[in-house]
Amino acid sequence: MPKYLYVYHGGKNPETPEEGEAVMAKWMSWLGGLGGDVVDPGNPVGVSTTVYADKVEGNGGSNPASGYGLVNAKDMDDAVAKAKGCPVLESGGSVEVAETFEI
């Protein structure tokens, strides 16, 4: 089954420990609903550094990533359908979906 990379963009950080617990519960529920299709549940990420041939920029890029995950899906439509339940969408974020390829 093909694997798909989810790159999370944006979203809002919890403002209180209680809100953080509620958000984490939503993530765990969503990931649990994906069952065995979760290859790597991923993690949040810090500000990225972009390396070019002639320069390095430490500003996070034009659409900074806030996290990632890796899932199995039948095809792109299935991967997109699974991403639509992601909690980052509830706080104004987005999920970029890309098929990965074995080499």
Protein backbone atom coordinates (compact mmCIF):
# COMPACT_ATOMS: atom_id res chain seq x y z
CA MET A 1 0.00 0.00 0.00
CA PRO A 2 1.40 3.46 -0.84
CA LYS A 3 2.60 5.72 1.96
CA TYR A 4 1.66 9.39 2.19
CA LEU A 5 3.46 12.16 4.00
CA TYR A 6 1.31 14.62 5.90
CA VAL A 7 2.98 17.98 6.47
CA TYR A 8 1.00 20.09 8.89
CA HIS A 9 1.07 23.86 8.45
CA GLY A 10 -0.12 26.47 10.91
CA GLY A 11 -2.60 25.77 13.62
CA LYS A 12 -2.80 27.36 17.02
CA ASN A 13 -0.76 26.36 20.05
CA PRO A 14 -2.78 25.59 23.18
CA GLU A 15 -2.87 28.48 25.64
CA THR A 16 -3.38 26.44 28.82
CA PRO A 17 -2.40 22.96 30.03
CA GLU A 18 -6.07 21.97 29.95
CA GLU A 19 -6.43 23.12 26.36
CA GLY A 20 -3.23 21.22 25.53
CA GLU A 21 -4.69 18.02 27.00
CA ALA A 22 -7.90 18.49 25.01
CA VAL A 23 -5.98 19.07 21.78
CA MET A 24 -3.77 16.02 22.42
CA ALA A 25 -6.88 13.92 23.03
CA LYS A 26 -8.26 14.99 19.63
CA TRP A 27 -4.97 14.05 17.94
CA MET A 28 -4.89 10.66 19.67
CA SER A 29 -8.52 10.01 18.72
CA TRP A 30 -7.88 10.90 15.07
CA LEU A 31 -4.70 8.82 14.90
CA GLY A 32 -6.43 5.95 16.69
CA GLY A 33 -9.21 6.08 14.10
CA LEU A 34 -6.63 5.59 11.35
CA GLY A 35 -5.57 2.36 13.08
CA GLY A 36 -2.90 0.33 11.35
CA ASP A 37 -2.63 2.86 8.53
CA VAL A 38 -0.46 5.06 10.75
CA VAL A 39 3.15 4.33 9.78
CA ASP A 40 4.65 7.17 11.86
CA PRO A 41 2.36 9.40 13.93
CA GLY A 42 4.96 12.16 13.58
CA ASN A 43 5.70 15.07 15.84
CA PRO A 44 5.50 18.84 15.95
CA VAL A 45 8.53 20.62 14.48
CA GLY A 46 10.38 23.84 15.25
CA VAL A 47 11.20 26.68 12.89
CA SER A 48 12.93 25.29 9.81
CA THR A 49 16.09 26.39 8.07
CA THR A 50 16.07 26.32 4.27
CA VAL A 51 19.35 25.44 2.56
CA TYR A 52 19.94 26.69 -0.99
CA ALA A 53 23.04 26.22 -3.15
CA ASP A 54 24.12 29.80 -2.45
CA LYS A 55 22.48 30.73 0.86
CA VAL A 56 20.78 29.56 4.03
CA GLU A 57 17.59 31.11 5.41
CA GLY A 58 16.44 30.43 8.97
CA ASN A 59 13.02 32.03 8.73
CA GLY A 60 10.82 28.93 8.45
CA GLY A 61 10.12 29.40 4.74
CA SER A 62 7.07 30.82 3.01
CA ASN A 63 4.65 28.23 4.48
CA PRO A 64 6.30 26.90 7.65
CA ALA A 65 5.68 23.32 8.65
CA SER A 66 4.35 22.77 12.16
CA GLY A 67 4.53 18.96 12.14
CA TYR A 68 4.43 15.76 10.08
CA GLY A 69 3.04 12.24 9.93
CA LEU A 70 3.20 9.22 7.61
CA VAL A 71 0.19 7.05 6.73
CA ASN A 72 -0.76 4.19 4.43
CA ALA A 73 -3.58 4.89 1.98
CA LYS A 74 -4.99 3.21 -1.14
CA ASP A 75 -4.44 6.31 -3.26
CA MET A 76 -4.31 10.12 -3.06
CA ASP A 77 -8.09 10.39 -2.67
CA ASP A 78 -7.97 8.03 0.32
CA ALA A 79 -5.04 9.93 1.85
CA VAL A 80 -6.88 13.24 1.43
CA ALA A 81 -10.06 11.80 2.95
CA LYS A 82 -8.09 10.62 5.98
CA ALA A 83 -6.39 14.03 6.33
CA LYS A 84 -9.76 15.80 6.46
CA GLY A 85 -10.18 14.58 10.05
CA CYS A 86 -6.90 16.09 11.25
CA PRO A 87 -7.26 18.32 14.32
CA VAL A 88 -4.90 20.97 12.89
CA LEU A 89 -7.75 21.95 10.54
CA GLU A 90 -9.90 22.97 13.53
CA SER A 91 -7.41 25.67 14.50
CA GLY A 92 -6.92 27.24 11.07
CA GLY A 93 -4.08 25.01 9.89
CA SER A 94 -3.74 22.86 6.79
CA VAL A 95 -2.40 19.45 5.79
CA GLU A 96 -0.17 19.06 2.77
CA VAL A 97 -0.39 15.50 1.39
CA ALA A 98 2.31 13.91 -0.80
CA GLU A 99 2.82 10.31 -1.88
CA THR A 100 6.22 8.87 -0.93
CA PHE A 101 8.13 6.49 -3.19
CA GLU A 102 10.46 3.63 -2.33
CA ILE A 103 13.86 3.85 -3.99
